């Protein structure tokens, strides 16, 4: 009976994986969320069953993508598979929440960069001077952006057009941070879903006892935050650009900690679980940007305030 249930579970996860991976090929739907959820079925398979199930499914979907002449989607599939295998390996070994998420973040980024370097060297070389032009544009945009804002504050509305032109350059400069943050949120989303699925499935797994809502970043992350903020004040464009990227990543981590704080107290509301999630969704729809700012600030100051009252020892100096 257990084998039958296991086979049905494998089949269900395989169908879900096929939908998430192959649906953008057939139906022109927004693929951002579908792409972010690609690692979930692979991770669940790799956690509960031998890895040959996840690897075989990944190879099958890769072949379908090649037959469908959509090789560009192979990159997302390969990255999702890497995230799934690393996360599953960490869960099986009983790693903490932070180590699992960091492992699922670093390994795909490093391997993806290596594959890109090999591809650009052997198959399709990068245009000459591309990296040089990237850094030339990246190191000069901070000063341009600040100058444009100062001119707009003086009432020169014609500078709005200049701001529109400078903003894409700003996004180009923080592209490394945006890539890391996208991987970070994708890993967290899939890790939360896999934990909940494994704990509530018909053959539940006993994972590490850490409560996701009690998670907090390392206390020493605040020094990275302060150092990156100080780097913005250094009159060297390259250093300030690096500092800006590091600052954005640390703010994203504190945003996740702030969300954990908000959900920690939100689950204590005397409301059913569905109503709690409805309230959260309505609040974010009404005041989304404000909620992001408040959660980020709460995550940062949780080091000193301890909003969840969970510290049992004094902070290290």
C-alpha atoms as a PDB file:
ATOM      1  CA  UNK A   1       0.000   0.000   0.000  1.00  0.00           C
ATOM      2  CA  UNK A   2       2.820   2.380   0.824  1.00  0.00           C
ATOM      3  CA  UNK A   3       4.420   1.672  -2.545  1.00  0.00           C
ATOM      4  CA  UNK A   4       1.161   2.524  -4.329  1.00  0.00           C
ATOM      5  CA  UNK A   5       0.834   5.770  -2.406  1.00  0.00           C
ATOM      6  CA  UNK A   6       4.460   6.548  -3.205  1.00  0.00           C
ATOM      7  CA  UNK A   7       3.950   5.912  -6.925  1.00  0.00           C
ATOM      8  CA  UNK A   8       0.870   8.122  -6.971  1.00  0.00           C
ATOM      9  CA  UNK A   9       2.797  10.827  -5.199  1.00  0.00           C
ATOM     10  CA  UNK A  10       5.657  10.595  -7.676  1.00  0.00           C
ATOM     11  CA  UNK A  11       3.198  10.782 -10.567  1.00  0.00           C
ATOM     12  CA  UNK A  12       1.460  13.821  -9.077  1.00  0.00           C
ATOM     13  CA  UNK A  13       4.747  15.646  -8.524  1.00  0.00           C
ATOM     14  CA  UNK A  14       5.892  14.772 -12.050  1.00  0.00           C
ATOM     15  CA  UNK A  15       2.656  16.161 -13.539  1.00  0.00           C
ATOM     16  CA  UNK A  16       3.004  19.333 -11.468  1.00  0.00           C
ATOM     17  CA  UNK A  17       6.607  19.726 -12.600  1.00  0.00           C
ATOM     18  CA  UNK A  18       5.605  19.290 -16.225  1.00  0.00           C
ATOM     19  CA  UNK A  19       2.933  21.960 -15.886  1.00  0.00           C
ATOM     20  CA  UNK A  20       5.300  24.447 -14.265  1.00  0.00           C
ATOM     21  CA  UNK A  21       8.076  23.834 -16.794  1.00  0.00           C
ATOM     22  CA  UNK A  22       6.230  23.244 -20.065  1.00  0.00           C
ATOM     23  CA  UNK A  23       3.116  25.410 -19.764  1.00  0.00           C
ATOM     24  CA  UNK A  24       4.930  28.626 -20.820  1.00  0.00           C
ATOM     25  CA  UNK A  25       5.808  26.817 -24.077  1.00  0.00           C
ATOM     26  CA  UNK A  26       2.165  26.279 -25.007  1.00  0.00           C
ATOM     27  CA  UNK A  27       0.161  29.060 -23.371  1.00  0.00           C
ATOM     28  CA  UNK A  28       1.354  32.697 -23.318  1.00  0.00           C
ATOM     29  CA  UNK A  29       0.953  33.114 -19.569  1.00  0.00           C
ATOM     30  CA  UNK A  30       3.126  35.253 -17.291  1.00  0.00           C
ATOM     31  CA  UNK A  31       5.939  32.834 -16.480  1.00  0.00           C
ATOM     32  CA  UNK A  32       7.606  34.590 -13.569  1.00  0.00           C
ATOM     33  CA  UNK A  33       5.775  32.771 -10.801  1.00  0.00           C
ATOM     34  CA  UNK A  34       5.800  29.475 -12.696  1.00  0.00           C
ATOM     35  CA  UNK A  35       9.559  29.735 -13.163  1.00  0.00           C
ATOM     36  CA  UNK A  36      10.046  30.514  -9.469  1.00  0.00           C
ATOM     37  CA  UNK A  37       8.115  27.364  -8.504  1.00  0.00           C
ATOM     38  CA  UNK A  38      10.035  24.999 -10.806  1.00  0.00           C
ATOM     39  CA  UNK A  39      12.314  23.707  -7.980  1.00  0.00           C
ATOM     40  CA  UNK A  40       9.394  22.696  -5.722  1.00  0.00           C
ATOM     41  CA  UNK A  41       8.388  19.327  -7.259  1.00  0.00           C
ATOM     42  CA  UNK A  42      12.030  18.394  -7.897  1.00  0.00           C
ATOM     43  CA  UNK A  43      12.948  19.181  -4.292  1.00  0.00           C
ATOM     44  CA  UNK A  44      10.019  17.201  -2.904  1.00  0.00           C
ATOM     45  CA  UNK A  45      11.013  14.211  -5.048  1.00  0.00           C
ATOM     46  CA  UNK A  46      14.677  14.470  -4.060  1.00  0.00           C
ATOM     47  CA  UNK A  47      13.828  14.730  -0.359  1.00  0.00           C
ATOM     48  CA  UNK A  48      11.385  11.827  -0.155  1.00  0.00           C
ATOM     49  CA  UNK A  49      12.708   9.485  -2.855  1.00  0.00           C
ATOM     50  CA  UNK A  50      16.022   8.466  -4.453  1.00  0.00           C
ATOM     51  CA  UNK A  51      17.555  11.144  -6.620  1.00  0.00           C
ATOM     52  CA  UNK A  52      17.072   9.124  -9.794  1.00  0.00           C
ATOM     53  CA  UNK A  53      13.410  10.208  -9.803  1.00  0.00           C
ATOM     54  CA  UNK A  54      14.262  13.919  -9.846  1.00  0.00           C
ATOM     55  CA  UNK A  55      17.177  13.492 -12.266  1.00  0.00           C
ATOM     56  CA  UNK A  56      15.123  11.347 -14.646  1.00  0.00           C
ATOM     57  CA  UNK A  57      12.256  13.836 -14.619  1.00  0.00           C
ATOM     58  CA  UNK A  58      14.677  16.701 -15.258  1.00  0.00           C
ATOM     59  CA  UNK A  59      16.210  14.871 -18.215  1.00  0.00           C
ATOM     60  CA  UNK A  60      12.781  14.096 -19.665  1.00  0.00           C
ATOM     61  CA  UNK A  61      11.638  17.700 -19.455  1.00  0.00           C
ATOM     62  CA  UNK A  62      14.950  18.877 -20.911  1.00  0.00           C
ATOM     63  CA  UNK A  63      14.436  16.622 -23.916  1.00  0.00           C
ATOM     64  CA  UNK A  64      10.928  17.985 -24.429  1.00  0.00           C
ATOM     65  CA  UNK A  65      12.271  21.530 -24.328  1.00  0.00           C
ATOM     66  CA  UNK A  66      14.858  20.680 -26.975  1.00  0.00           C
ATOM     67  CA  UNK A  67      12.243  19.021 -29.187  1.00  0.00           C
ATOM     68  CA  UNK A  68      10.019  22.048 -28.764  1.00  0.00           C
ATOM     69  CA  UNK A  69      12.853  24.305 -29.912  1.00  0.00           C
ATOM     70  CA  UNK A  70      12.896  26.202 -26.638  1.00  0.00           C
ATOM     71  CA  UNK A  71      16.492  25.682 -25.532  1.00  0.00           C
ATOM     72  CA  UNK A  72      16.509  29.010 -23.701  1.00  0.00           C
ATOM     73  CA  UNK A  73      14.227  27.464 -21.072  1.00  0.00           C
ATOM     74  CA  UNK A  74      16.881  24.849 -20.349  1.00  0.00           C
ATOM     75  CA  UNK A  75      18.769  27.428 -18.309  1.00  0.00           C
ATOM     76  CA  UNK A  76      15.828  27.936 -15.942  1.00  0.00           C
ATOM     77  CA  UNK A  77      15.285  24.177 -15.746  1.00  0.00           C
ATOM     78  CA  UNK A  78      18.947  23.518 -14.943  1.00  0.00           C
ATOM     79  CA  UNK A  79      19.049  26.251 -12.325  1.00  0.00           C
ATOM     80  CA  UNK A  80      15.837  24.973 -10.761  1.00  0.00           C
ATOM     81  CA  UNK A  81      17.267  21.464 -10.687  1.00  0.00           C
ATOM     82  CA  UNK A  82      20.431  22.682  -8.966  1.00  0.00           C
ATOM     83  CA  UNK A  83      18.412  24.543  -6.348  1.00  0.00           C
ATOM     84  CA  UNK A  84      16.289  21.439  -5.783  1.00  0.00           C
ATOM     85  CA  UNK A  85      19.214  19.033  -5.381  1.00  0.00           C
ATOM     86  CA  UNK A  86      21.183  21.308  -3.061  1.00  0.00           C
ATOM     87  CA  UNK A  87      18.116  22.072  -0.942  1.00  0.00           C
ATOM     88  CA  UNK A  88      17.124  18.409  -0.750  1.00  0.00           C
ATOM     89  CA  UNK A  89      20.665  17.391   0.215  1.00  0.00           C
ATOM     90  CA  UNK A  90      20.730  20.033   2.960  1.00  0.00           C
ATOM     91  CA  UNK A  91      17.314  18.988   4.286  1.00  0.00           C
ATOM     92  CA  UNK A  92      18.365  15.342   4.384  1.00  0.00           C
ATOM     93  CA  UNK A  93      21.467  16.253   6.351  1.00  0.00           C
ATOM     94  CA  UNK A  94      19.428  18.266   8.841  1.00  0.00           C
ATOM     95  CA  UNK A  95      20.981  21.622   8.050  1.00  0.00           C
ATOM     96  CA  UNK A  96      19.586  24.753   9.660  1.00  0.00           C
ATOM     97  CA  UNK A  97      17.267  27.070   7.765  1.00  0.00           C
ATOM     98  CA  UNK A  98      19.978  29.642   7.084  1.00  0.00           C
ATOM     99  CA  UNK A  99      22.556  27.101   5.883  1.00  0.00           C
ATOM    100  CA  UNK A 100      20.016  25.428   3.617  1.00  0.00           C
ATOM    101  CA  UNK A 101      18.950  28.685   1.975  1.00  0.00           C
ATOM    102  CA  UNK A 102      22.531  29.924   1.592  1.00  0.00           C
ATOM    103  CA  UNK A 103      23.615  26.608   0.072  1.00  0.00           C
ATOM    104  CA  UNK A 104      20.743  26.688  -2.399  1.00  0.00           C
ATOM    105  CA  UNK A 105      21.749  30.258  -3.262  1.00  0.00           C
ATOM    106  CA  UNK A 106      25.518  29.983  -3.647  1.00  0.00           C
ATOM    107  CA  UNK A 107      25.825  26.686  -5.549  1.00  0.00           C
ATOM    108  CA  UNK A 108      23.476  27.557  -8.471  1.00  0.00           C
ATOM    109  CA  UNK A 109      24.990  31.036  -8.784  1.00  0.00           C
ATOM    110  CA  UNK A 110      28.555  29.712  -8.905  1.00  0.00           C
ATOM    111  CA  UNK A 111      27.768  26.851 -11.291  1.00  0.00           C
ATOM    112  CA  UNK A 112      25.639  29.125 -13.473  1.00  0.00           C
ATOM    113  CA  UNK A 113      28.472  31.639 -13.718  1.00  0.00           C
ATOM    114  CA  UNK A 114      30.931  28.875 -14.631  1.00  0.00           C
ATOM    115  CA  UNK A 115      28.605  27.503 -17.302  1.00  0.00           C
ATOM    116  CA  UNK A 116      28.132  30.980 -18.718  1.00  0.00           C
ATOM    117  CA  UNK A 117      31.894  31.462 -18.826  1.00  0.00           C
ATOM    118  CA  UNK A 118      32.411  28.119 -20.584  1.00  0.00           C
ATOM    119  CA  UNK A 119      29.613  28.838 -23.050  1.00  0.00           C
ATOM    120  CA  UNK A 120      30.951  32.285 -23.853  1.00  0.00           C
ATOM    121  CA  UNK A 121      34.449  30.848 -24.338  1.00  0.00           C
ATOM    122  CA  UNK A 122      33.705  27.759 -26.406  1.00  0.00           C
ATOM    123  CA  UNK A 123      30.364  28.361 -28.128  1.00  0.00           C
ATOM    124  CA  UNK A 124      29.477  32.035 -28.394  1.00  0.00           C
ATOM    125  CA  UNK A 125      32.192  34.408 -27.207  1.00  0.00           C
ATOM    126  CA  UNK A 126      31.079  37.582 -25.514  1.00  0.00           C
ATOM    127  CA  UNK A 127      31.520  40.732 -27.612  1.00  0.00           C
ATOM    128  CA  UNK A 128      34.899  42.297 -27.073  1.00  0.00           C
ATOM    129  CA  UNK A 129      34.851  44.971 -24.437  1.00  0.00           C
ATOM    130  CA  UNK A 130      31.411  44.011 -23.092  1.00  0.00           C
ATOM    131  CA  UNK A 131      32.616  43.693 -19.504  1.00  0.00           C
ATOM    132  CA  UNK A 132      34.613  46.891 -19.822  1.00  0.00           C
ATOM    133  CA  UNK A 133      31.562  48.798 -21.031  1.00  0.00           C
ATOM    134  CA  UNK A 134      29.467  47.290 -18.241  1.00  0.00           C
ATOM    135  CA  UNK A 135      31.827  48.507 -15.529  1.00  0.00           C
ATOM    136  CA  UNK A 136      32.266  51.893 -17.221  1.00  0.00           C
ATOM    137  CA  UNK A 137      28.516  52.401 -17.133  1.00  0.00           C
ATOM    138  CA  UNK A 138      28.081  50.920 -13.682  1.00  0.00           C
ATOM    139  CA  UNK A 139      30.688  53.013 -11.887  1.00  0.00           C
ATOM    140  CA  UNK A 140      29.359  56.335 -13.233  1.00  0.00           C
ATOM    141  CA  UNK A 141      25.621  55.929 -12.739  1.00  0.00           C
ATOM    142  CA  UNK A 142      25.451  56.667  -8.996  1.00  0.00           C
ATOM    143  CA  UNK A 143      26.756  60.192  -9.478  1.00  0.00           C
ATOM    144  CA  UNK A 144      24.493  60.784 -12.479  1.00  0.00           C
ATOM    145  CA  UNK A 145      21.432  59.582 -10.583  1.00  0.00           C
ATOM    146  CA  UNK A 146      22.108  61.816  -7.574  1.00  0.00           C
ATOM    147  CA  UNK A 147      22.758  64.846  -9.754  1.00  0.00           C
ATOM    148  CA  UNK A 148      19.516  64.276 -11.636  1.00  0.00           C
ATOM    149  CA  UNK A 149      17.509  64.058  -8.417  1.00  0.00           C
ATOM    150  CA  UNK A 150      19.076  67.268  -7.120  1.00  0.00           C
ATOM    151  CA  UNK A 151      18.180  69.087 -10.318  1.00  0.00           C
ATOM    152  CA  UNK A 152      14.596  67.841 -10.142  1.00  0.00           C
ATOM    153  CA  UNK A 153      14.261  69.108  -6.581  1.00  0.00           C
ATOM    154  CA  UNK A 154      15.093  72.574  -7.874  1.00  0.00           C
ATOM    155  CA  UNK A 155      11.950  72.483 -10.000  1.00  0.00           C
ATOM    156  CA  UNK A 156      13.498  71.621 -13.348  1.00  0.00           C
ATOM    157  CA  UNK A 157      10.806  69.299 -14.653  1.00  0.00           C
ATOM    158  CA  UNK A 158      12.647  68.744 -17.909  1.00  0.00           C
ATOM    159  CA  UNK A 159      15.089  66.614 -15.954  1.00  0.00           C
ATOM    160  CA  UNK A 160      12.410  63.925 -15.697  1.00  0.00           C
ATOM    161  CA  UNK A 161      13.341  62.714 -19.152  1.00  0.00           C
ATOM    162  CA  UNK A 162      16.966  62.488 -18.070  1.00  0.00           C
ATOM    163  CA  UNK A 163      15.924  60.527 -15.004  1.00  0.00           C
ATOM    164  CA  UNK A 164      14.098  58.044 -17.199  1.00  0.00           C
ATOM    165  CA  UNK A 165      17.278  57.576 -19.191  1.00  0.00           C
ATOM    166  CA  UNK A 166      19.473  57.192 -16.106  1.00  0.00           C
ATOM    167  CA  UNK A 167      17.198  54.725 -14.327  1.00  0.00           C
ATOM    168  CA  UNK A 168      17.959  51.794 -16.702  1.00  0.00           C
ATOM    169  CA  UNK A 169      21.634  52.419 -16.054  1.00  0.00           C
ATOM    170  CA  UNK A 170      20.969  52.240 -12.331  1.00  0.00           C
ATOM    171  CA  UNK A 171      19.240  48.914 -12.819  1.00  0.00           C
ATOM    172  CA  UNK A 172      22.221  47.729 -14.818  1.00  0.00           C
ATOM    173  CA  UNK A 173      24.581  48.672 -11.994  1.00  0.00           C
ATOM    174  CA  UNK A 174      22.548  46.775  -9.390  1.00  0.00           C
ATOM    175  CA  UNK A 175      22.002  43.802 -11.701  1.00  0.00           C
ATOM    176  CA  UNK A 176      24.217  41.512  -9.544  1.00  0.00           C
ATOM    177  CA  UNK A 177      22.139  42.351  -6.480  1.00  0.00           C
ATOM    178  CA  UNK A 178      18.882  41.805  -8.382  1.00  0.00           C
ATOM    179  CA  UNK A 179      20.057  38.362  -9.527  1.00  0.00           C
ATOM    180  CA  UNK A 180      21.070  37.356  -5.998  1.00  0.00           C
ATOM    181  CA  UNK A 181      17.806  38.677  -4.529  1.00  0.00           C
ATOM    182  CA  UNK A 182      15.707  36.828  -7.111  1.00  0.00           C
ATOM    183  CA  UNK A 183      17.492  33.576  -6.286  1.00  0.00           C
ATOM    184  CA  UNK A 184      17.127  34.294  -2.576  1.00  0.00           C
ATOM    185  CA  UNK A 185      13.359  34.777  -2.725  1.00  0.00           C
ATOM    186  CA  UNK A 186      12.951  31.780  -5.033  1.00  0.00           C
ATOM    187  CA  UNK A 187      14.892  29.574  -2.614  1.00  0.00           C
ATOM    188  CA  UNK A 188      12.934  30.783   0.392  1.00  0.00           C
ATOM    189  CA  UNK A 189       9.595  30.274  -1.363  1.00  0.00           C
ATOM    190  CA  UNK A 190      10.415  26.732  -2.440  1.00  0.00           C
ATOM    191  CA  UNK A 191      11.981  25.828   0.905  1.00  0.00           C
ATOM    192  CA  UNK A 192       8.854  26.928   2.767  1.00  0.00           C
ATOM    193  CA  UNK A 193       6.607  24.988   0.375  1.00  0.00           C
ATOM    194  CA  UNK A 194       8.740  21.834   0.588  1.00  0.00           C
ATOM    195  CA  UNK A 195       8.839  21.929   4.401  1.00  0.00           C
ATOM    196  CA  UNK A 196       5.085  22.313   4.595  1.00  0.00           C
ATOM    197  CA  UNK A 197       4.504  19.609   1.989  1.00  0.00           C
ATOM    198  CA  UNK A 198       6.832  17.089   3.636  1.00  0.00           C
ATOM    199  CA  UNK A 199       5.317  17.682   7.061  1.00  0.00           C
ATOM    200  CA  UNK A 200       1.724  17.300   5.841  1.00  0.00           C
ATOM    201  CA  UNK A 201       2.108  14.522   3.263  1.00  0.00           C
ATOM    202  CA  UNK A 202       0.778  11.007   3.848  1.00  0.00           C
ATOM    203  CA  UNK A 203       4.267   9.857   4.767  1.00  0.00           C
ATOM    204  CA  UNK A 204       5.388  12.871   6.814  1.00  0.00           C
ATOM    205  CA  UNK A 205       9.073  13.536   7.316  1.00  0.00           C
ATOM    206  CA  UNK A 206      10.536  14.788  10.566  1.00  0.00           C
ATOM    207  CA  UNK A 207      12.591  17.801   9.520  1.00  0.00           C
ATOM    208  CA  UNK A 208      14.731  20.048  11.682  1.00  0.00           C
ATOM    209  CA  UNK A 209      12.694  21.434  14.592  1.00  0.00           C
ATOM    210  CA  UNK A 210      13.417  25.105  13.827  1.00  0.00           C
ATOM    211  CA  UNK A 211      10.319  27.245  13.424  1.00  0.00           C
ATOM    212  CA  UNK A 212      10.341  29.248  10.207  1.00  0.00           C
ATOM    213  CA  UNK A 213       8.534  32.122  11.907  1.00  0.00           C
ATOM    214  CA  UNK A 214      11.282  32.313  14.540  1.00  0.00           C
ATOM    215  CA  UNK A 215      14.086  32.533  11.988  1.00  0.00           C
ATOM    216  CA  UNK A 216      16.467  35.451  12.177  1.00  0.00           C
ATOM    217  CA  UNK A 217      19.602  36.377  10.300  1.00  0.00           C
ATOM    218  CA  UNK A 218      23.012  36.225  11.890  1.00  0.00           C
ATOM    219  CA  UNK A 219      23.714  39.040  14.320  1.00  0.00           C
ATOM    220  CA  UNK A 220      26.954  39.767  12.475  1.00  0.00           C
ATOM    221  CA  UNK A 221      25.032  40.652   9.296  1.00  0.00           C
ATOM    222  CA  UNK A 222      24.559  44.124  10.732  1.00  0.00           C
ATOM    223  CA  UNK A 223      28.282  44.757  10.263  1.00  0.00           C
ATOM    224  CA  UNK A 224      27.941  43.904   6.566  1.00  0.00           C
ATOM    225  CA  UNK A 225      25.014  46.314   6.402  1.00  0.00           C
ATOM    226  CA  UNK A 226      27.004  49.113   8.046  1.00  0.00           C
ATOM    227  CA  UNK A 227      30.097  48.464   5.917  1.00  0.00           C
ATOM    228  CA  UNK A 228      28.095  48.516   2.679  1.00  0.00           C
ATOM    229  CA  UNK A 229      26.408  51.740   3.755  1.00  0.00           C
ATOM    230  CA  UNK A 230      29.775  53.282   4.525  1.00  0.00           C
ATOM    231  CA  UNK A 231      31.045  52.198   1.104  1.00  0.00           C
ATOM    232  CA  UNK A 232      28.408  54.414  -0.512  1.00  0.00           C
ATOM    233  CA  UNK A 233      30.131  57.439   1.036  1.00  0.00           C
ATOM    234  CA  UNK A 234      33.543  56.611  -0.387  1.00  0.00           C
ATOM    235  CA  UNK A 235      34.298  58.873  -3.393  1.00  0.00           C
ATOM    236  CA  UNK A 236      35.271  55.925  -5.578  1.00  0.00           C
ATOM    237  CA  UNK A 237      32.528  54.940  -8.009  1.00  0.00           C
ATOM    238  CA  UNK A 238      33.557  51.285  -8.173  1.00  0.00           C
ATOM    239  CA  UNK A 239      33.537  50.938  -4.371  1.00  0.00           C
ATOM    240  CA  UNK A 240      30.191  52.733  -4.012  1.00  0.00           C
ATOM    241  CA  UNK A 241      28.628  50.531  -6.700  1.00  0.00           C
ATOM    242  CA  UNK A 242      29.779  47.376  -4.933  1.00  0.00           C
ATOM    243  CA  UNK A 243      28.520  48.778  -1.650  1.00  0.00           C
ATOM    244  CA  UNK A 244      25.125  49.517  -3.196  1.00  0.00           C
ATOM    245  CA  UNK A 245      24.781  45.924  -4.410  1.00  0.00           C
ATOM    246  CA  UNK A 246      25.764  44.481  -1.026  1.00  0.00           C
ATOM    247  CA  UNK A 247      23.425  46.903   0.753  1.00  0.00           C
ATOM    248  CA  UNK A 248      20.462  45.803  -1.361  1.00  0.00           C
ATOM    249  CA  UNK A 249      21.124  42.140  -0.619  1.00  0.00           C
ATOM    250  CA  UNK A 250      21.346  42.760   3.135  1.00  0.00           C
ATOM    251  CA  UNK A 251      18.111  44.768   3.011  1.00  0.00           C
ATOM    252  CA  UNK A 252      16.426  41.851   1.240  1.00  0.00           C
ATOM    253  CA  UNK A 253      17.558  39.512   4.023  1.00  0.00           C
ATOM    254  CA  UNK A 254      16.204  41.880   6.664  1.00  0.00           C
ATOM    255  CA  UNK A 255      12.952  42.079   4.689  1.00  0.00           C
ATOM    256  CA  UNK A 256      12.596  38.303   5.007  1.00  0.00           C
ATOM    257  CA  UNK A 257      13.258  38.554   8.737  1.00  0.00           C
ATOM    258  CA  UNK A 258      10.651  41.288   9.027  1.00  0.00           C
ATOM    259  CA  UNK A 259       8.125  39.135   7.170  1.00  0.00           C
ATOM    260  CA  UNK A 260       8.820  36.316   9.627  1.00  0.00           C
ATOM    261  CA  UNK A 261       8.142  38.740  12.488  1.00  0.00           C
ATOM    262  CA  UNK A 262       4.868  39.922  10.931  1.00  0.00           C
ATOM    263  CA  UNK A 263       3.674  36.351  10.309  1.00  0.00           C
ATOM    264  CA  UNK A 264       4.794  35.326  13.811  1.00  0.00           C
ATOM    265  CA  UNK A 265       2.375  37.776  15.374  1.00  0.00           C
ATOM    266  CA  UNK A 266      -0.202  37.412  12.621  1.00  0.00           C
ATOM    267  CA  UNK A 267      -0.731  33.730  13.375  1.00  0.00           C
ATOM    268  CA  UNK A 268      -1.733  34.693  16.905  1.00  0.00           C
ATOM    269  CA  UNK A 269      -4.787  36.545  15.679  1.00  0.00           C
ATOM    270  CA  UNK A 270      -8.007  34.787  16.753  1.00  0.00           C
ATOM    271  CA  UNK A 271      -8.922  34.072  13.129  1.00  0.00           C
ATOM    272  CA  UNK A 272      -8.938  30.958  10.933  1.00  0.00           C
ATOM    273  CA  UNK A 273      -5.811  30.359   8.858  1.00  0.00           C
ATOM    274  CA  UNK A 274      -7.534  31.244   5.589  1.00  0.00           C
ATOM    275  CA  UNK A 275      -8.805  34.537   7.003  1.00  0.00           C
ATOM    276  CA  UNK A 276      -5.329  35.351   8.306  1.00  0.00           C
ATOM    277  CA  UNK A 277      -3.822  34.959   4.829  1.00  0.00           C
ATOM    278  CA  UNK A 278      -6.681  37.012   3.371  1.00  0.00           C
ATOM    279  CA  UNK A 279      -5.937  39.821   5.810  1.00  0.00           C
ATOM    280  CA  UNK A 280      -2.238  39.696   4.912  1.00  0.00           C
ATOM    281  CA  UNK A 281      -3.033  39.848   1.205  1.00  0.00           C
ATOM    282  CA  UNK A 282      -5.413  42.790   1.602  1.00  0.00           C
ATOM    283  CA  UNK A 283      -2.889  44.723   3.707  1.00  0.00           C
ATOM    284  CA  UNK A 284      -0.147  44.243   1.129  1.00  0.00           C
ATOM    285  CA  UNK A 285      -2.476  45.240  -1.702  1.00  0.00           C
ATOM    286  CA  UNK A 286      -3.461  48.451   0.065  1.00  0.00           C
ATOM    287  CA  UNK A 287      -0.048  49.457   1.412  1.00  0.00           C
ATOM    288  CA  UNK A 288       2.466  47.214  -0.315  1.00  0.00           C
ATOM    289  CA  UNK A 289       5.447  49.581  -0.416  1.00  0.00           C
ATOM    290  CA  UNK A 290       4.835  50.767   3.138  1.00  0.00           C
ATOM    291  CA  UNK A 291       4.658  47.155   4.332  1.00  0.00           C
ATOM    292  CA  UNK A 292       7.972  46.380   2.633  1.00  0.00           C
ATOM    293  CA  UNK A 293       9.633  49.349   4.336  1.00  0.00           C
ATOM    294  CA  UNK A 294       8.148  48.530   7.750  1.00  0.00           C
ATOM    295  CA  UNK A 295       9.115  44.845   7.523  1.00  0.00           C
ATOM    296  CA  UNK A 296      12.656  45.721   6.440  1.00  0.00           C
ATOM    297  CA  UNK A 297      13.101  48.172   9.320  1.00  0.00           C
ATOM    298  CA  UNK A 298      11.627  45.662  11.772  1.00  0.00           C
ATOM    299  CA  UNK A 299      13.987  42.969  10.546  1.00  0.00           C
ATOM    300  CA  UNK A 300      16.975  45.280  10.981  1.00  0.00           C
ATOM    301  CA  UNK A 301      16.061  46.502  14.468  1.00  0.00           C
ATOM    302  CA  UNK A 302      15.044  43.039  15.641  1.00  0.00           C
ATOM    303  CA  UNK A 303      18.694  42.645  16.632  1.00  0.00           C
ATOM    304  CA  UNK A 304      18.159  45.106  19.469  1.00  0.00           C
ATOM    305  CA  UNK A 305      14.397  45.157  20.070  1.00  0.00           C
ATOM    306  CA  UNK A 306      13.778  41.390  19.771  1.00  0.00           C
ATOM    307  CA  UNK A 307      10.167  41.709  18.641  1.00  0.00           C
ATOM    308  CA  UNK A 308       9.425  37.999  19.145  1.00  0.00           C
ATOM    309  CA  UNK A 309      11.019  37.833  22.610  1.00  0.00           C
ATOM    310  CA  UNK A 310      13.034  34.748  21.733  1.00  0.00           C
ATOM    311  CA  UNK A 311      16.584  35.651  22.758  1.00  0.00           C
ATOM    312  CA  UNK A 312      17.745  33.827  25.858  1.00  0.00           C
ATOM    313  CA  UNK A 313      21.232  35.297  26.088  1.00  0.00           C
ATOM    314  CA  UNK A 314      22.839  38.673  25.683  1.00  0.00           C
ATOM    315  CA  UNK A 315      24.174  39.716  22.324  1.00  0.00           C
ATOM    316  CA  UNK A 316      27.854  39.333  21.616  1.00  0.00           C
ATOM    317  CA  UNK A 317      29.730  42.639  21.638  1.00  0.00           C
END
